[in-house]
Amino acid sequence: MGCSISVEVKEQENALDTLSHERACESIQIQKYKLKKKYGRTREVSIILQEEKCKNLSNEITHLVPQLEIQANSILRSRKQPHEREIN
């Protein structure tokens, strides 16, 4: 599609809030930066997921990443300027 996408996953454990007695959550940030078209335009997309620890986060990421790639490509195509064309 002419896009180069890199995905970096960072996990960070949030501190337990003792006042509200909420369960600790893991915050997973999936960064998809520099969706670069061959004509040189760069877009940045980033998404943050927050799930309870008991859920299988790696499965969530595995299913989400292809959908994000499709959405990112769709956004890039919709924002393409009339004078720009995709090189396949």
PDB file of N, CA and C in Angstrom:
ATOM      1  N   MET A   1       0.818  -1.208   0.000  1.00  0.00           N
ATOM      2  CA  MET A   1       0.000   0.000   0.000  1.00  0.00           C
ATOM      3  C   MET A   1       0.856   1.264   0.000  1.00  0.00           C
ATOM      4  N   GLY A   2       2.184   1.101   0.095  1.00  0.00           N
ATOM      5  CA  GLY A   2       3.044   2.270   0.151  1.00  0.00           C
ATOM      6  C   GLY A   2       3.218   2.821   1.548  1.00  0.00           C
ATOM      7  N   CYS A   3       2.764   2.093   2.561  1.00  0.00           N
ATOM      8  CA  CYS A   3       2.920   2.548   3.939  1.00  0.00           C
ATOM      9  C   CYS A   3       3.948   1.687   4.651  1.00  0.00           C
ATOM     10  N   SER A   4       4.730   2.320   5.479  1.00  0.00           N
ATOM     11  CA  SER A   4       5.656   1.580   6.331  1.00  0.00           C
ATOM     12  C   SER A   4       5.207   1.821   7.762  1.00  0.00           C
ATOM     13  N   ILE A   5       4.841   0.769   8.465  1.00  0.00           N
ATOM     14  CA  ILE A   5       4.266   0.910   9.802  1.00  0.00           C
ATOM     15  C   ILE A   5       5.103   0.131  10.795  1.00  0.00           C
ATOM     16  N   SER A   6       5.495   0.798  11.871  1.00  0.00           N
ATOM     17  CA  SER A   6       6.183   0.077  12.942  1.00  0.00           C
ATOM     18  C   SER A   6       5.336   0.175  14.200  1.00  0.00           C
ATOM     19  N   VAL A   7       5.302  -0.898  14.941  1.00  0.00           N
ATOM     20  CA  VAL A   7       4.478  -0.949  16.151  1.00  0.00           C
ATOM     21  C   VAL A   7       5.384  -1.205  17.338  1.00  0.00           C
ATOM     22  N   GLU A   8       5.280  -0.371  18.346  1.00  0.00           N
ATOM     23  CA  GLU A   8       6.057  -0.548  19.561  1.00  0.00           C
ATOM     24  C   GLU A   8       5.066  -0.698  20.707  1.00  0.00           C
ATOM     25  N   VAL A   9       5.265  -1.705  21.528  1.00  0.00           N
ATOM     26  CA  VAL A   9       4.347  -1.958  22.634  1.00  0.00           C
ATOM     27  C   VAL A   9       5.071  -1.690  23.943  1.00  0.00           C
ATOM     28  N   LYS A  10       4.473  -0.882  24.774  1.00  0.00           N
ATOM     29  CA  LYS A  10       5.044  -0.598  26.092  1.00  0.00           C
ATOM     30  C   LYS A  10       4.018  -0.981  27.143  1.00  0.00           C
ATOM     31  N   GLU A  11       4.471  -1.652  28.189  1.00  0.00           N
ATOM     32  CA  GLU A  11       3.573  -1.988  29.291  1.00  0.00           C
ATOM     33  C   GLU A  11       3.981  -1.177  30.508  1.00  0.00           C
ATOM     34  N   GLN A  12       2.988  -0.680  31.202  1.00  0.00           N
ATOM     35  CA  GLN A  12       3.245   0.088  32.409  1.00  0.00           C
ATOM     36  C   GLN A  12       2.168  -0.283  33.419  1.00  0.00           C
ATOM     37  N   GLU A  13       2.610  -0.654  34.602  1.00  0.00           N
ATOM     38  CA  GLU A  13       1.644  -1.029  35.632  1.00  0.00           C
ATOM     39  C   GLU A  13       1.282   0.214  36.434  1.00  0.00           C
ATOM     40  N   ASN A  14       0.009   0.483  36.531  1.00  0.00           N
ATOM     41  CA  ASN A  14      -0.454   1.633  37.301  1.00  0.00           C
ATOM     42  C   ASN A  14      -0.484   1.280  38.782  1.00  0.00           C
ATOM     43  N   ALA A  15      -0.232   2.281  39.603  1.00  0.00           N
ATOM     44  CA  ALA A  15      -0.272   2.064  41.050  1.00  0.00           C
ATOM     45  C   ALA A  15      -1.718   1.872  41.498  1.00  0.00           C
ATOM     46  N   LEU A  16      -1.909   1.046  42.496  1.00  0.00           N
ATOM     47  CA  LEU A  16      -3.247   0.803  43.035  1.00  0.00           C
ATOM     48  C   LEU A  16      -3.701   2.034  43.811  1.00  0.00           C
ATOM     49  N   ASP A  17      -4.863   2.510  43.495  1.00  0.00           N
ATOM     50  CA  ASP A  17      -5.426   3.672  44.177  1.00  0.00           C
ATOM     51  C   ASP A  17      -6.107   3.183  45.451  1.00  0.00           C
ATOM     52  N   THR A  18      -5.492   3.448  46.599  1.00  0.00           N
ATOM     53  CA  THR A  18      -6.014   2.914  47.865  1.00  0.00           C
ATOM     54  C   THR A  18      -7.284   3.635  48.310  1.00  0.00           C
ATOM     55  N   LEU A  19      -7.511   4.843  47.833  1.00  0.00           N
ATOM     56  CA  LEU A  19      -8.710   5.566  48.250  1.00  0.00           C
ATOM     57  C   LEU A  19      -9.962   5.019  47.566  1.00  0.00           C
ATOM     58  N   SER A  20      -9.867   4.714  46.294  1.00  0.00           N
ATOM     59  CA  SER A  20     -11.055   4.246  45.585  1.00  0.00           C
ATOM     60  C   SER A  20     -11.147   2.725  45.549  1.00  0.00           C
ATOM     61  N   HIS A  21     -10.104   2.042  46.010  1.00  0.00           N
ATOM     62  CA  HIS A  21     -10.069   0.573  46.053  1.00  0.00           C
ATOM     63  C   HIS A  21     -10.281  -0.050  44.676  1.00  0.00           C
ATOM     64  N   GLU A  22      -9.814   0.652  43.645  1.00  0.00           N
ATOM     65  CA  GLU A  22      -9.927   0.090  42.303  1.00  0.00           C
ATOM     66  C   GLU A  22      -8.823  -0.931  42.089  1.00  0.00           C
ATOM     67  N   ARG A  23      -9.116  -1.902  41.225  1.00  0.00           N
ATOM     68  CA  ARG A  23      -8.098  -2.895  40.907  1.00  0.00           C
ATOM     69  C   ARG A  23      -7.032  -2.255  40.026  1.00  0.00           C
ATOM     70  N   ALA A  24      -5.817  -2.716  40.217  1.00  0.00           N
ATOM     71  CA  ALA A  24      -4.725  -2.196  39.389  1.00  0.00           C
ATOM     72  C   ALA A  24      -4.962  -2.592  37.935  1.00  0.00           C
ATOM     73  N   CYS A  25      -4.664  -1.686  37.043  1.00  0.00           N
ATOM     74  CA  CYS A  25      -4.817  -1.955  35.619  1.00  0.00           C
ATOM     75  C   CYS A  25      -3.455  -1.863  34.952  1.00  0.00           C
ATOM     76  N   GLU A  26      -3.332  -2.558  33.853  1.00  0.00           N
ATOM     77  CA  GLU A  26      -2.141  -2.381  33.040  1.00  0.00           C
ATOM     78  C   GLU A  26      -2.520  -1.473  31.888  1.00  0.00           C
ATOM     79  N   SER A  27      -1.676  -0.523  31.651  1.00  0.00           N
ATOM     80  CA  SER A  27      -1.899   0.380  30.534  1.00  0.00           C
ATOM     81  C   SER A  27      -0.944  -0.029  29.420  1.00  0.00           C
ATOM     82  N   ILE A  28      -1.478  -0.298  28.263  1.00  0.00           N
ATOM     83  CA  ILE A  28      -0.646  -0.707  27.139  1.00  0.00           C
ATOM     84  C   ILE A  28      -0.771   0.350  26.065  1.00  0.00           C
ATOM     85  N   GLN A  29       0.349   0.870  25.676  1.00  0.00           N
ATOM     86  CA  GLN A  29       0.337   1.889  24.641  1.00  0.00           C
ATOM     87  C   GLN A  29       0.887   1.277  23.366  1.00  0.00           C
ATOM     88  N   ILE A  30       0.093   1.322  22.340  1.00  0.00           N
ATOM     89  CA  ILE A  30       0.546   0.853  21.035  1.00  0.00           C
ATOM     90  C   ILE A  30       0.819   2.101  20.219  1.00  0.00           C
ATOM     91  N   GLN A  31       2.061   2.277  19.869  1.00  0.00           N
ATOM     92  CA  GLN A  31       2.425   3.462  19.111  1.00  0.00           C
ATOM     93  C   GLN A  31       2.624   3.072  17.659  1.00  0.00           C
ATOM     94  N   LYS A  32       1.906   3.729  16.780  1.00  0.00           N
ATOM     95  CA  LYS A  32       2.095   3.515  15.350  1.00  0.00           C
ATOM     96  C   LYS A  32       2.487   4.866  14.777  1.00  0.00           C
ATOM     97  N   TYR A  33       3.769   5.060  14.635  1.00  0.00           N
ATOM     98  CA  TYR A  33       4.283   6.357  14.214  1.00  0.00           C
ATOM     99  C   TYR A  33       4.793   6.302  12.787  1.00  0.00           C
ATOM    100  N   LYS A  34       4.865   7.437  12.188  1.00  0.00           N
ATOM    101  CA  LYS A  34       5.487   7.611  10.894  1.00  0.00           C
ATOM    102  C   LYS A  34       4.923   6.661   9.843  1.00  0.00           C
ATOM    103  N   LEU A  35       3.646   6.812   9.604  1.00  0.00           N
ATOM    104  CA  LEU A  35       2.995   6.102   8.510  1.00  0.00           C
ATOM    105  C   LEU A  35       3.379   6.880   7.250  1.00  0.00           C
ATOM    106  N   LYS A  36       4.432   6.430   6.631  1.00  0.00           N
ATOM    107  CA  LYS A  36       5.087   7.244   5.607  1.00  0.00           C
ATOM    108  C   LYS A  36       4.701   6.783   4.206  1.00  0.00           C
ATOM    109  N   LYS A  37       4.105   7.675   3.472  1.00  0.00           N
ATOM    110  CA  LYS A  37       3.768   7.376   2.086  1.00  0.00           C
ATOM    111  C   LYS A  37       5.018   7.589   1.231  1.00  0.00           C
ATOM    112  N   LYS A  38       5.014   6.972   0.048  1.00  0.00           N
ATOM    113  CA  LYS A  38       6.201   7.061  -0.800  1.00  0.00           C
ATOM    114  C   LYS A  38       6.452   8.471  -1.316  1.00  0.00           C
ATOM    115  N   TYR A  39       5.433   9.338  -1.305  1.00  0.00           N
ATOM    116  CA  TYR A  39       5.672  10.714  -1.720  1.00  0.00           C
ATOM    117  C   TYR A  39       6.167  11.577  -0.564  1.00  0.00           C
ATOM    118  N   GLY A  40       6.471  10.961   0.580  1.00  0.00           N
ATOM    119  CA  GLY A  40       7.184  11.665   1.642  1.00  0.00           C
ATOM    120  C   GLY A  40       6.342  12.236   2.770  1.00  0.00           C
ATOM    121  N   ARG A  41       5.032  12.183   2.664  1.00  0.00           N
ATOM    122  CA  ARG A  41       4.186  12.725   3.724  1.00  0.00           C
ATOM    123  C   ARG A  41       4.188  11.774   4.917  1.00  0.00           C
ATOM    124  N   THR A  42       4.208  12.313   6.112  1.00  0.00           N
ATOM    125  CA  THR A  42       4.249  11.485   7.318  1.00  0.00           C
ATOM    126  C   THR A  42       3.024  11.766   8.175  1.00  0.00           C
ATOM    127  N   ARG A  43       2.405  10.696   8.656  1.00  0.00           N
ATOM    128  CA  ARG A  43       1.285  10.821   9.596  1.00  0.00           C
ATOM    129  C   ARG A  43       1.683  10.127  10.888  1.00  0.00           C
ATOM    130  N   GLU A  44       1.132  10.561  11.982  1.00  0.00           N
ATOM    131  CA  GLU A  44       1.385   9.896  13.251  1.00  0.00           C
ATOM    132  C   GLU A  44       0.060   9.474  13.861  1.00  0.00           C
ATOM    133  N   VAL A  45       0.004   8.225  14.304  1.00  0.00           N
ATOM    134  CA  VAL A  45      -1.196   7.683  14.935  1.00  0.00           C
ATOM    135  C   VAL A  45      -0.755   6.998  16.211  1.00  0.00           C
ATOM    136  N   SER A  46      -1.449   7.217  17.283  1.00  0.00           N
ATOM    137  CA  SER A  46      -1.109   6.510  18.513  1.00  0.00           C
ATOM    138  C   SER A  46      -2.396   6.138  19.226  1.00  0.00           C
ATOM    139  N   ILE A  47      -2.374   4.994  19.892  1.00  0.00           N
ATOM    140  CA  ILE A  47      -3.579   4.523  20.584  1.00  0.00           C
ATOM    141  C   ILE A  47      -3.182   3.936  21.923  1.00  0.00           C
ATOM    142  N   ILE A  48      -4.023   4.111  22.922  1.00  0.00           N
ATOM    143  CA  ILE A  48      -3.747   3.580  24.252  1.00  0.00           C
ATOM    144  C   ILE A  48      -4.897   2.675  24.664  1.00  0.00           C
ATOM    145  N   LEU A  49      -4.545   1.489  25.113  1.00  0.00           N
ATOM    146  CA  LEU A  49      -5.533   0.538  25.626  1.00  0.00           C
ATOM    147  C   LEU A  49      -5.359   0.440  27.128  1.00  0.00           C
ATOM    148  N   GLN A  50      -6.434   0.289  27.833  1.00  0.00           N
ATOM    149  CA  GLN A  50      -6.325   0.009  29.256  1.00  0.00           C
ATOM    150  C   GLN A  50      -7.236  -1.161  29.568  1.00  0.00           C
ATOM    151  N   GLU A  51      -6.660  -2.205  30.102  1.00  0.00           N
ATOM    152  CA  GLU A  51      -7.403  -3.427  30.389  1.00  0.00           C
ATOM    153  C   GLU A  51      -7.090  -3.880  31.809  1.00  0.00           C
ATOM    154  N   GLU A  52      -8.000  -4.631  32.389  1.00  0.00           N
ATOM    155  CA  GLU A  52      -7.735  -5.215  33.692  1.00  0.00           C
ATOM    156  C   GLU A  52      -6.653  -6.266  33.551  1.00  0.00           C
ATOM    157  N   LYS A  53      -5.886  -6.440  34.634  1.00  0.00           N
ATOM    158  CA  LYS A  53      -4.766  -7.372  34.601  1.00  0.00           C
ATOM    159  C   LYS A  53      -5.188  -8.789  34.258  1.00  0.00           C
ATOM    160  N   CYS A  54      -6.379  -9.181  34.674  1.00  0.00           N
ATOM    161  CA  CYS A  54      -6.784 -10.575  34.504  1.00  0.00           C
ATOM    162  C   CYS A  54      -7.035 -10.936  33.044  1.00  0.00           C
ATOM    163  N   LYS A  55      -7.193  -9.948  32.179  1.00  0.00           N
ATOM    164  CA  LYS A  55      -7.458 -10.244  30.768  1.00  0.00           C
ATOM    165  C   LYS A  55      -6.156 -10.554  30.039  1.00  0.00           C
ATOM    166  N   ASN A  56      -6.282 -11.325  28.997  1.00  0.00           N
ATOM    167  CA  ASN A  56      -5.099 -11.691  28.224  1.00  0.00           C
ATOM    168  C   ASN A  56      -4.779 -10.565  27.242  1.00  0.00           C
ATOM    169  N   LEU A  57      -3.829  -9.730  27.634  1.00  0.00           N
ATOM    170  CA  LEU A  57      -3.541  -8.529  26.862  1.00  0.00           C
ATOM    171  C   LEU A  57      -2.839  -8.832  25.550  1.00  0.00           C
ATOM    172  N   SER A  58      -2.022  -9.878  25.527  1.00  0.00           N
ATOM    173  CA  SER A  58      -1.304 -10.164  24.286  1.00  0.00           C
ATOM    174  C   SER A  58      -2.272 -10.564  23.178  1.00  0.00           C
ATOM    175  N   ASN A  59      -3.336 -11.291  23.517  1.00  0.00           N
ATOM    176  CA  ASN A  59      -4.341 -11.639  22.509  1.00  0.00           C
ATOM    177  C   ASN A  59      -5.048 -10.394  22.003  1.00  0.00           C
ATOM    178  N   GLU A  60      -5.339  -9.481  22.912  1.00  0.00           N
ATOM    179  CA  GLU A  60      -6.007  -8.231  22.544  1.00  0.00           C
ATOM    180  C   GLU A  60      -5.160  -7.471  21.522  1.00  0.00           C
ATOM    181  N   ILE A  61      -3.861  -7.398  21.776  1.00  0.00           N
ATOM    182  CA  ILE A  61      -2.959  -6.685  20.872  1.00  0.00           C
ATOM    183  C   ILE A  61      -2.897  -7.383  19.523  1.00  0.00           C
ATOM    184  N   THR A  62      -2.781  -8.698  19.544  1.00  0.00           N
ATOM    185  CA  THR A  62      -2.676  -9.468  18.303  1.00  0.00           C
ATOM    186  C   THR A  62      -3.875  -9.219  17.397  1.00  0.00           C
ATOM    187  N   HIS A  63      -5.068  -9.121  17.974  1.00  0.00           N
ATOM    188  CA  HIS A  63      -6.269  -8.898  17.167  1.00  0.00           C
ATOM    189  C   HIS A  63      -6.416  -7.435  16.760  1.00  0.00           C
ATOM    190  N   LEU A  64      -5.887  -6.524  17.563  1.00  0.00           N
ATOM    191  CA  LEU A  64      -6.101  -5.103  17.321  1.00  0.00           C
ATOM    192  C   LEU A  64      -5.167  -4.528  16.263  1.00  0.00           C
ATOM    193  N   VAL A  65      -3.925  -4.987  16.239  1.00  0.00           N
ATOM    194  CA  VAL A  65      -2.930  -4.383  15.351  1.00  0.00           C
ATOM    195  C   VAL A  65      -3.332  -4.420  13.873  1.00  0.00           C
ATOM    196  N   PRO A  66      -3.811  -5.560  13.327  1.00  0.00           N
ATOM    197  CA  PRO A  66      -4.223  -5.537  11.912  1.00  0.00           C
ATOM    198  C   PRO A  66      -5.360  -4.554  11.642  1.00  0.00           C
ATOM    199  N   GLN A  67      -6.280  -4.412  12.588  1.00  0.00           N
ATOM    200  CA  GLN A  67      -7.385  -3.463  12.415  1.00  0.00           C
ATOM    201  C   GLN A  67      -6.855  -2.032  12.400  1.00  0.00           C
ATOM    202  N   LEU A  68      -5.885  -1.747  13.270  1.00  0.00           N
ATOM    203  CA  LEU A  68      -5.298  -0.409  13.301  1.00  0.00           C
ATOM    204  C   LEU A  68      -4.581  -0.104  11.992  1.00  0.00           C
ATOM    205  N   GLU A  69      -3.904  -1.102  11.453  1.00  0.00           N
ATOM    206  CA  GLU A  69      -3.182  -0.903  10.193  1.00  0.00           C
ATOM    207  C   GLU A  69      -4.154  -0.576   9.069  1.00  0.00           C
ATOM    208  N   ILE A  70      -5.282  -1.288   9.030  1.00  0.00           N
ATOM    209  CA  ILE A  70      -6.302  -1.036   8.010  1.00  0.00           C
ATOM    210  C   ILE A  70      -6.874   0.373   8.181  1.00  0.00           C
ATOM    211  N   GLN A  71      -7.168   0.760   9.430  1.00  0.00           N
ATOM    212  CA  GLN A  71      -7.720   2.094   9.687  1.00  0.00           C
ATOM    213  C   GLN A  71      -6.715   3.182   9.318  1.00  0.00           C
ATOM    214  N   ALA A  72      -5.447   2.962   9.674  1.00  0.00           N
ATOM    215  CA  ALA A  72      -4.421   3.962   9.377  1.00  0.00           C
ATOM    216  C   ALA A  72      -4.278   4.146   7.868  1.00  0.00           C
ATOM    217  N   ASN A  73      -4.261   3.042   7.126  1.00  0.00           N
ATOM    218  CA  ASN A  73      -4.163   3.135   5.666  1.00  0.00           C
ATOM    219  C   ASN A  73      -5.370   3.855   5.085  1.00  0.00           C
ATOM    220  N   SER A  74      -6.541   3.594   5.652  1.00  0.00           N
ATOM    221  CA  SER A  74      -7.762   4.241   5.186  1.00  0.00           C
ATOM    222  C   SER A  74      -7.701   5.751   5.431  1.00  0.00           C
ATOM    223  N   ILE A  75      -7.212   6.136   6.611  1.00  0.00           N
ATOM    224  CA  ILE A  75      -7.081   7.564   6.948  1.00  0.00           C
ATOM    225  C   ILE A  75      -6.107   8.234   5.984  1.00  0.00           C
ATOM    226  N   LEU A  76      -4.979   7.565   5.746  1.00  0.00           N
ATOM    227  CA  LEU A  76      -3.994   8.148   4.832  1.00  0.00           C
ATOM    228  C   LEU A  76      -4.579   8.336   3.439  1.00  0.00           C
ATOM    229  N   ARG A  77      -5.318   7.338   2.962  1.00  0.00           N
ATOM    230  CA  ARG A  77      -5.910   7.432   1.631  1.00  0.00           C
ATOM    231  C   ARG A  77      -6.917   8.575   1.569  1.00  0.00           C
ATOM    232  N   SER A  78      -7.719   8.730   2.638  1.00  0.00           N
ATOM    233  CA  SER A  78      -8.757   9.765   2.623  1.00  0.00           C
ATOM    234  C   SER A  78      -8.163  11.169   2.698  1.00  0.00           C
ATOM    235  N   ARG A  79      -6.968  11.301   3.268  1.00  0.00           N
ATOM    236  CA  ARG A  79      -6.350  12.624   3.403  1.00  0.00           C
ATOM    237  C   ARG A  79      -5.382  12.938   2.272  1.00  0.00           C
ATOM    238  N   LYS A  80      -5.245  12.032   1.336  1.00  0.00           N
ATOM    239  CA  LYS A  80      -4.317  12.229   0.224  1.00  0.00           C
ATOM    240  C   LYS A  80      -4.756  13.448  -0.581  1.00  0.00           C
ATOM    241  N   GLN A  81      -3.810  14.272  -0.913  1.00  0.00           N
ATOM    242  CA  GLN A  81      -4.096  15.463  -1.703  1.00  0.00           C
ATOM    243  C   GLN A  81      -4.358  15.059  -3.155  1.00  0.00           C
ATOM    244  N   PRO A  82      -5.152  15.861  -3.888  1.00  0.00           N
ATOM    245  CA  PRO A  82      -5.498  15.509  -5.270  1.00  0.00           C
ATOM    246  C   PRO A  82      -4.273  15.316  -6.164  1.00  0.00           C
ATOM    247  N   HIS A  83      -3.200  16.071  -5.907  1.00  0.00           N
ATOM    248  CA  HIS A  83      -2.020  15.966  -6.772  1.00  0.00           C
ATOM    249  C   HIS A  83      -1.114  14.794  -6.385  1.00  0.00           C
ATOM    250  N   GLU A  84      -1.415  14.121  -5.265  1.00  0.00           N
ATOM    251  CA  GLU A  84      -0.607  12.990  -4.828  1.00  0.00           C
ATOM    252  C   GLU A  84      -1.235  11.699  -5.335  1.00  0.00           C
ATOM    253  N   ARG A  85      -0.410  10.739  -5.658  1.00  0.00           N
ATOM    254  CA  ARG A  85      -0.944   9.450  -6.077  1.00  0.00           C
ATOM    255  C   ARG A  85      -0.156   8.350  -5.389  1.00  0.00           C
ATOM    256  N   GLU A  86      -0.815   7.219  -5.162  1.00  0.00           N
ATOM    257  CA  GLU A  86      -0.149   6.088  -4.524  1.00  0.00           C
ATOM    258  C   GLU A  86       0.707   5.366  -5.537  1.00  0.00           C
ATOM    259  N   ILE A  87       1.864   4.934  -5.080  1.00  0.00           N
ATOM    260  CA  ILE A  87       2.746   4.131  -5.918  1.00  0.00           C
ATOM    261  C   ILE A  87       2.713   2.726  -5.356  1.00  0.00           C
ATOM    262  N   ASN A  88       2.181   1.776  -6.104  1.00  0.00           N
ATOM    263  CA  ASN A  88       2.087   0.397  -5.617  1.00  0.00           C
ATOM    264  C   ASN A  88       3.218  -0.448  -6.143  1.00  0.00           C
TER     265      ASN A  88
END
